[in-house]
Amino acid sequence: MSIENKELNFEETMQELEKIVQELEKGELNLDDSINKFEEGMKLSKNVSKYLEEAEKKITVLINSKDGEITEEEF
């Protein structure tokens, strides 16, 4: 299954990446198929990294100030 034209969310991307890893670990693919799966896995890995970077940007840290007020700061 090619991921070229398919928009996957984080969980779907991780599932696809895990499938590729399992296929490669079995060692049953020929060299060309292994290379194609590896390339597809690298694309998925980059997408996972993008998802994680975006999530990190959205994280906020709640900090109790000295006067008891809760303030929000960007992570």
PDB file of N, CA and C in Angstrom:
ATOM      1  N   MET A   1       0.845  -1.185   0.000  1.00  0.00           N
ATOM      2  CA  MET A   1       0.000   0.000   0.000  1.00  0.00           C
ATOM      3  C   MET A   1       0.880   1.233   0.000  1.00  0.00           C
ATOM      4  N   SER A   2       0.653   2.099  -0.929  1.00  0.00           N
ATOM      5  CA  SER A   2       1.435   3.322  -1.016  1.00  0.00           C
ATOM      6  C   SER A   2       0.755   4.432  -0.240  1.00  0.00           C
ATOM      7  N   ILE A   3       1.564   5.258   0.433  1.00  0.00           N
ATOM      8  CA  ILE A   3       1.038   6.353   1.238  1.00  0.00           C
ATOM      9  C   ILE A   3       1.106   7.678   0.494  1.00  0.00           C
ATOM     10  N   GLU A   4       1.528   7.657  -0.753  1.00  0.00           N
ATOM     11  CA  GLU A   4       1.769   8.870  -1.520  1.00  0.00           C
ATOM     12  C   GLU A   4       0.594   9.846  -1.485  1.00  0.00           C
ATOM     13  N   ASN A   5      -0.610   9.385  -1.796  1.00  0.00           N
ATOM     14  CA  ASN A   5      -1.758  10.275  -1.939  1.00  0.00           C
ATOM     15  C   ASN A   5      -2.743  10.150  -0.786  1.00  0.00           C
ATOM     16  N   LYS A   6      -2.304   9.628   0.323  1.00  0.00           N
ATOM     17  CA  LYS A   6      -3.196   9.371   1.437  1.00  0.00           C
ATOM     18  C   LYS A   6      -2.803  10.238   2.623  1.00  0.00           C
ATOM     19  N   GLU A   7      -3.764  10.966   3.182  1.00  0.00           N
ATOM     20  CA  GLU A   7      -3.523  11.810   4.354  1.00  0.00           C
ATOM     21  C   GLU A   7      -3.829  10.977   5.602  1.00  0.00           C
ATOM     22  N   LEU A   8      -2.804  10.683   6.380  1.00  0.00           N
ATOM     23  CA  LEU A   8      -2.961   9.863   7.575  1.00  0.00           C
ATOM     24  C   LEU A   8      -2.796  10.713   8.824  1.00  0.00           C
ATOM     25  N   ASN A   9      -3.545  10.354   9.877  1.00  0.00           N
ATOM     26  CA  ASN A   9      -3.314  11.027  11.153  1.00  0.00           C
ATOM     27  C   ASN A   9      -2.128  10.354  11.842  1.00  0.00           C
ATOM     28  N   PHE A  10      -1.765  10.846  13.010  1.00  0.00           N
ATOM     29  CA  PHE A  10      -0.579  10.336  13.702  1.00  0.00           C
ATOM     30  C   PHE A  10      -0.675   8.833  13.961  1.00  0.00           C
ATOM     31  N   GLU A  11      -1.799   8.389  14.501  1.00  0.00           N
ATOM     32  CA  GLU A  11      -1.957   6.975  14.849  1.00  0.00           C
ATOM     33  C   GLU A  11      -1.887   6.081  13.613  1.00  0.00           C
ATOM     34  N   GLU A  12      -2.542   6.511  12.525  1.00  0.00           N
ATOM     35  CA  GLU A  12      -2.504   5.732  11.283  1.00  0.00           C
ATOM     36  C   GLU A  12      -1.089   5.693  10.714  1.00  0.00           C
ATOM     37  N   THR A  13      -0.398   6.798  10.805  1.00  0.00           N
ATOM     38  CA  THR A  13       0.979   6.862  10.320  1.00  0.00           C
ATOM     39  C   THR A  13       1.855   5.891  11.101  1.00  0.00           C
ATOM     40  N   MET A  14       1.700   5.879  12.422  1.00  0.00           N
ATOM     41  CA  MET A  14       2.487   4.950  13.255  1.00  0.00           C
ATOM     42  C   MET A  14       2.157   3.497  12.919  1.00  0.00           C
ATOM     43  N   GLN A  15       0.883   3.195  12.698  1.00  0.00           N
ATOM     44  CA  GLN A  15       0.492   1.829  12.339  1.00  0.00           C
ATOM     45  C   GLN A  15       1.121   1.402  11.024  1.00  0.00           C
ATOM     46  N   GLU A  16       1.100   2.292  10.048  1.00  0.00           N
ATOM     47  CA  GLU A  16       1.712   1.977   8.754  1.00  0.00           C
ATOM     48  C   GLU A  16       3.214   1.766   8.899  1.00  0.00           C
ATOM     49  N   LEU A  17       3.841   2.602   9.694  1.00  0.00           N
ATOM     50  CA  LEU A  17       5.275   2.475   9.926  1.00  0.00           C
ATOM     51  C   LEU A  17       5.595   1.145  10.607  1.00  0.00           C
ATOM     52  N   GLU A  18       4.786   0.756  11.586  1.00  0.00           N
ATOM     53  CA  GLU A  18       4.991  -0.529  12.266  1.00  0.00           C
ATOM     54  C   GLU A  18       4.836  -1.704  11.304  1.00  0.00           C
ATOM     55  N   LYS A  19       3.853  -1.620  10.389  1.00  0.00           N
ATOM     56  CA  LYS A  19       3.667  -2.684   9.397  1.00  0.00           C
ATOM     57  C   LYS A  19       4.907  -2.821   8.520  1.00  0.00           C
ATOM     58  N   ILE A  20       5.445  -1.693   8.096  1.00  0.00           N
ATOM     59  CA  ILE A  20       6.630  -1.717   7.241  1.00  0.00           C
ATOM     60  C   ILE A  20       7.816  -2.322   7.979  1.00  0.00           C
ATOM     61  N   VAL A  21       7.990  -1.933   9.225  1.00  0.00           N
ATOM     62  CA  VAL A  21       9.093  -2.481  10.028  1.00  0.00           C
ATOM     63  C   VAL A  21       8.948  -3.996  10.144  1.00  0.00           C
ATOM     64  N   GLN A  22       7.732  -4.468  10.407  1.00  0.00           N
ATOM     65  CA  GLN A  22       7.511  -5.911  10.521  1.00  0.00           C
ATOM     66  C   GLN A  22       7.826  -6.630   9.219  1.00  0.00           C
ATOM     67  N   GLU A  23       7.400  -6.044   8.096  1.00  0.00           N
ATOM     68  CA  GLU A  23       7.684  -6.655   6.792  1.00  0.00           C
ATOM     69  C   GLU A  23       9.184  -6.732   6.534  1.00  0.00           C
ATOM     70  N   LEU A  24       9.885  -5.656   6.855  1.00  0.00           N
ATOM     71  CA  LEU A  24      11.336  -5.639   6.641  1.00  0.00           C
ATOM     72  C   LEU A  24      12.048  -6.614   7.562  1.00  0.00           C
ATOM     73  N   GLU A  25      11.572  -6.728   8.804  1.00  0.00           N
ATOM     74  CA  GLU A  25      12.206  -7.630   9.768  1.00  0.00           C
ATOM     75  C   GLU A  25      12.029  -9.096   9.386  1.00  0.00           C
ATOM     76  N   LYS A  26      10.931  -9.431   8.699  1.00  0.00           N
ATOM     77  CA  LYS A  26      10.702 -10.813   8.270  1.00  0.00           C
ATOM     78  C   LYS A  26      11.772 -11.268   7.286  1.00  0.00           C
ATOM     79  N   GLY A  27      12.274 -10.322   6.496  1.00  0.00           N
ATOM     80  CA  GLY A  27      13.323 -10.654   5.536  1.00  0.00           C
ATOM     81  C   GLY A  27      12.849 -11.435   4.339  1.00  0.00           C
ATOM     82  N   GLU A  28      11.558 -11.417   4.051  1.00  0.00           N
ATOM     83  CA  GLU A  28      11.005 -12.185   2.945  1.00  0.00           C
ATOM     84  C   GLU A  28      10.881 -11.381   1.650  1.00  0.00           C
ATOM     85  N   LEU A  29      11.161 -10.081   1.697  1.00  0.00           N
ATOM     86  CA  LEU A  29      11.037  -9.240   0.515  1.00  0.00           C
ATOM     87  C   LEU A  29      12.321  -9.286  -0.310  1.00  0.00           C
ATOM     88  N   ASN A  30      12.168  -9.136  -1.633  1.00  0.00           N
ATOM     89  CA  ASN A  30      13.375  -9.045  -2.455  1.00  0.00           C
ATOM     90  C   ASN A  30      13.988  -7.657  -2.255  1.00  0.00           C
ATOM     91  N   LEU A  31      15.154  -7.432  -2.817  1.00  0.00           N
ATOM     92  CA  LEU A  31      15.889  -6.197  -2.599  1.00  0.00           C
ATOM     93  C   LEU A  31      15.100  -4.965  -3.046  1.00  0.00           C
ATOM     94  N   ASP A  32      14.508  -5.023  -4.237  1.00  0.00           N
ATOM     95  CA  ASP A  32      13.745  -3.877  -4.740  1.00  0.00           C
ATOM     96  C   ASP A  32      12.565  -3.545  -3.830  1.00  0.00           C
ATOM     97  N   ASP A  33      11.818  -4.560  -3.410  1.00  0.00           N
ATOM     98  CA  ASP A  33      10.688  -4.336  -2.520  1.00  0.00           C
ATOM     99  C   ASP A  33      11.144  -3.807  -1.171  1.00  0.00           C
ATOM    100  N   SER A  34      12.271  -4.327  -0.685  1.00  0.00           N
ATOM    101  CA  SER A  34      12.815  -3.850   0.590  1.00  0.00           C
ATOM    102  C   SER A  34      13.189  -2.378   0.508  1.00  0.00           C
ATOM    103  N   ILE A  35      13.806  -1.985  -0.583  1.00  0.00           N
ATOM    104  CA  ILE A  35      14.192  -0.585  -0.762  1.00  0.00           C
ATOM    105  C   ILE A  35      12.949   0.298  -0.837  1.00  0.00           C
ATOM    106  N   ASN A  36      11.935  -0.149  -1.577  1.00  0.00           N
ATOM    107  CA  ASN A  36      10.693   0.623  -1.673  1.00  0.00           C
ATOM    108  C   ASN A  36      10.030   0.775  -0.312  1.00  0.00           C
ATOM    109  N   LYS A  37       9.989  -0.307   0.455  1.00  0.00           N
ATOM    110  CA  LYS A  37       9.399  -0.253   1.792  1.00  0.00           C
ATOM    111  C   LYS A  37      10.210   0.672   2.698  1.00  0.00           C
ATOM    112  N   PHE A  38      11.526   0.604   2.572  1.00  0.00           N
ATOM    113  CA  PHE A  38      12.388   1.478   3.371  1.00  0.00           C
ATOM    114  C   PHE A  38      12.111   2.951   3.053  1.00  0.00           C
ATOM    115  N   GLU A  39      12.019   3.269   1.758  1.00  0.00           N
ATOM    116  CA  GLU A  39      11.724   4.643   1.337  1.00  0.00           C
ATOM    117  C   GLU A  39      10.373   5.099   1.881  1.00  0.00           C
ATOM    118  N   GLU A  40       9.378   4.239   1.799  1.00  0.00           N
ATOM    119  CA  GLU A  40       8.050   4.554   2.315  1.00  0.00           C
ATOM    120  C   GLU A  40       8.112   4.772   3.832  1.00  0.00           C
ATOM    121  N   GLY A  41       8.880   3.928   4.504  1.00  0.00           N
ATOM    122  CA  GLY A  41       9.055   4.066   5.946  1.00  0.00           C
ATOM    123  C   GLY A  41       9.721   5.374   6.328  1.00  0.00           C
ATOM    124  N   MET A  42      10.685   5.800   5.541  1.00  0.00           N
ATOM    125  CA  MET A  42      11.357   7.074   5.812  1.00  0.00           C
ATOM    126  C   MET A  42      10.392   8.246   5.662  1.00  0.00           C
ATOM    127  N   LYS A  43       9.532   8.194   4.664  1.00  0.00           N
ATOM    128  CA  LYS A  43       8.526   9.247   4.483  1.00  0.00           C
ATOM    129  C   LYS A  43       7.579   9.283   5.681  1.00  0.00           C
ATOM    130  N   LEU A  44       7.154   8.099   6.110  1.00  0.00           N
ATOM    131  CA  LEU A  44       6.268   8.023   7.276  1.00  0.00           C
ATOM    132  C   LEU A  44       6.964   8.556   8.525  1.00  0.00           C
ATOM    133  N   SER A  45       8.231   8.210   8.667  1.00  0.00           N
ATOM    134  CA  SER A  45       9.001   8.669   9.818  1.00  0.00           C
ATOM    135  C   SER A  45       9.087  10.189   9.849  1.00  0.00           C
ATOM    136  N   LYS A  46       9.273  10.803   8.699  1.00  0.00           N
ATOM    137  CA  LYS A  46       9.309  12.268   8.624  1.00  0.00           C
ATOM    138  C   LYS A  46       7.962  12.858   9.018  1.00  0.00           C
ATOM    139  N   ASN A  47       6.872  12.212   8.580  1.00  0.00           N
ATOM    140  CA  ASN A  47       5.538  12.687   8.943  1.00  0.00           C
ATOM    141  C   ASN A  47       5.314  12.580  10.453  1.00  0.00           C
ATOM    142  N   VAL A  48       5.783  11.495  11.054  1.00  0.00           N
ATOM    143  CA  VAL A  48       5.665  11.331  12.507  1.00  0.00           C
ATOM    144  C   VAL A  48       6.412  12.455  13.208  1.00  0.00           C
ATOM    145  N   SER A  49       7.594  12.754  12.734  1.00  0.00           N
ATOM    146  CA  SER A  49       8.379  13.842  13.327  1.00  0.00           C
ATOM    147  C   SER A  49       7.643  15.175  13.227  1.00  0.00           C
ATOM    148  N   LYS A  50       7.009  15.423  12.081  1.00  0.00           N
ATOM    149  CA  LYS A  50       6.247  16.661  11.901  1.00  0.00           C
ATOM    150  C   LYS A  50       5.083  16.733  12.884  1.00  0.00           C
ATOM    151  N   TYR A  51       4.366  15.602  13.034  1.00  0.00           N
ATOM    152  CA  TYR A  51       3.258  15.567  13.988  1.00  0.00           C
ATOM    153  C   TYR A  51       3.747  15.887  15.397  1.00  0.00           C
ATOM    154  N   LEU A  52       4.871  15.287  15.780  1.00  0.00           N
ATOM    155  CA  LEU A  52       5.395  15.500  17.124  1.00  0.00           C
ATOM    156  C   LEU A  52       5.868  16.936  17.332  1.00  0.00           C
ATOM    157  N   GLU A  53       6.481  17.517  16.321  1.00  0.00           N
ATOM    158  CA  GLU A  53       6.916  18.913  16.415  1.00  0.00           C
ATOM    159  C   GLU A  53       5.718  19.842  16.574  1.00  0.00           C
ATOM    160  N   GLU A  54       4.659  19.579  15.802  1.00  0.00           N
ATOM    161  CA  GLU A  54       3.456  20.401  15.907  1.00  0.00           C
ATOM    162  C   GLU A  54       2.809  20.257  17.276  1.00  0.00           C
ATOM    163  N   ALA A  55       2.775  19.034  17.788  1.00  0.00           N
ATOM    164  CA  ALA A  55       2.186  18.802  19.108  1.00  0.00           C
ATOM    165  C   ALA A  55       2.991  19.512  20.186  1.00  0.00           C
ATOM    166  N   GLU A  56       4.308  19.465  20.067  1.00  0.00           N
ATOM    167  CA  GLU A  56       5.169  20.119  21.052  1.00  0.00           C
ATOM    168  C   GLU A  56       4.917  21.622  21.080  1.00  0.00           C
ATOM    169  N   LYS A  57       4.686  22.205  19.921  1.00  0.00           N
ATOM    170  CA  LYS A  57       4.423  23.642  19.841  1.00  0.00           C
ATOM    171  C   LYS A  57       3.121  24.012  20.540  1.00  0.00           C
ATOM    172  N   LYS A  58       2.162  23.088  20.557  1.00  0.00           N
ATOM    173  CA  LYS A  58       0.859  23.360  21.145  1.00  0.00           C
ATOM    174  C   LYS A  58       0.836  23.173  22.669  1.00  0.00           C
ATOM    175  N   ILE A  59       1.842  22.494  23.178  1.00  0.00           N
ATOM    176  CA  ILE A  59       1.866  22.213  24.614  1.00  0.00           C
ATOM    177  C   ILE A  59       2.079  23.495  25.398  1.00  0.00           C
ATOM    178  N   THR A  60       1.308  23.647  26.408  1.00  0.00           N
ATOM    179  CA  THR A  60       1.525  24.784  27.306  1.00  0.00           C
ATOM    180  C   THR A  60       1.796  24.249  28.703  1.00  0.00           C
ATOM    181  N   VAL A  61       2.567  25.013  29.441  1.00  0.00           N
ATOM    182  CA  VAL A  61       2.921  24.612  30.794  1.00  0.00           C
ATOM    183  C   VAL A  61       2.214  25.544  31.764  1.00  0.00           C
ATOM    184  N   LEU A  62       1.499  24.967  32.687  1.00  0.00           N
ATOM    185  CA  LEU A  62       0.835  25.768  33.702  1.00  0.00           C
ATOM    186  C   LEU A  62       1.787  25.943  34.887  1.00  0.00           C
ATOM    187  N   ILE A  63       1.961  27.176  35.288  1.00  0.00           N
ATOM    188  CA  ILE A  63       2.889  27.479  36.372  1.00  0.00           C
ATOM    189  C   ILE A  63       2.146  28.255  37.450  1.00  0.00           C
ATOM    190  N   ASN A  64       2.277  27.817  38.686  1.00  0.00           N
ATOM    191  CA  ASN A  64       1.703  28.569  39.803  1.00  0.00           C
ATOM    192  C   ASN A  64       2.626  29.729  40.127  1.00  0.00           C
ATOM    193  N   SER A  65       2.078  30.920  40.102  1.00  0.00           N
ATOM    194  CA  SER A  65       2.887  32.079  40.454  1.00  0.00           C
ATOM    195  C   SER A  65       2.879  32.255  41.966  1.00  0.00           C
ATOM    196  N   LYS A  66       3.691  33.163  42.454  1.00  0.00           N
ATOM    197  CA  LYS A  66       3.828  33.386  43.894  1.00  0.00           C
ATOM    198  C   LYS A  66       2.518  33.796  44.548  1.00  0.00           C
ATOM    199  N   ASP A  67       1.680  34.524  43.815  1.00  0.00           N
ATOM    200  CA  ASP A  67       0.431  34.994  44.406  1.00  0.00           C
ATOM    201  C   ASP A  67      -0.721  33.992  44.231  1.00  0.00           C
ATOM    202  N   GLY A  68      -0.421  32.793  43.775  1.00  0.00           N
ATOM    203  CA  GLY A  68      -1.427  31.751  43.666  1.00  0.00           C
ATOM    204  C   GLY A  68      -2.154  31.726  42.340  1.00  0.00           C
ATOM    205  N   GLU A  69      -1.914  32.703  41.492  1.00  0.00           N
ATOM    206  CA  GLU A  69      -2.554  32.708  40.186  1.00  0.00           C
ATOM    207  C   GLU A  69      -1.859  31.703  39.264  1.00  0.00           C
ATOM    208  N   ILE A  70      -2.631  31.132  38.423  1.00  0.00           N
ATOM    209  CA  ILE A  70      -2.078  30.180  37.441  1.00  0.00           C
ATOM    210  C   ILE A  70      -1.893  30.936  36.139  1.00  0.00           C
ATOM    211  N   THR A  71      -0.695  30.894  35.622  1.00  0.00           N
ATOM    212  CA  THR A  71      -0.406  31.553  34.347  1.00  0.00           C
ATOM    213  C   THR A  71      -0.039  30.485  33.323  1.00  0.00           C
ATOM    214  N   GLU A  72      -0.221  30.815  32.078  1.00  0.00           N
ATOM    215  CA  GLU A  72       0.076  29.903  30.996  1.00  0.00           C
ATOM    216  C   GLU A  72       1.275  30.408  30.224  1.00  0.00           C
ATOM    217  N   GLU A  73       2.230  29.515  29.962  1.00  0.00           N
ATOM    218  CA  GLU A  73       3.398  29.885  29.177  1.00  0.00           C
ATOM    219  C   GLU A  73       3.557  28.891  28.044  1.00  0.00           C
ATOM    220  N   GLU A  74       3.995  29.365  26.917  1.00  0.00           N
ATOM    221  CA  GLU A  74       4.276  28.480  25.782  1.00  0.00           C
ATOM    222  C   GLU A  74       5.419  27.556  26.156  1.00  0.00           C
ATOM    223  N   PHE A  75       5.347  26.316  25.709  1.00  0.00           N
ATOM    224  CA  PHE A  75       6.403  25.344  25.971  1.00  0.00           C
ATOM    225  C   PHE A  75       7.520  25.536  24.997  1.00  0.00           C
TER     226      PHE A  75
END
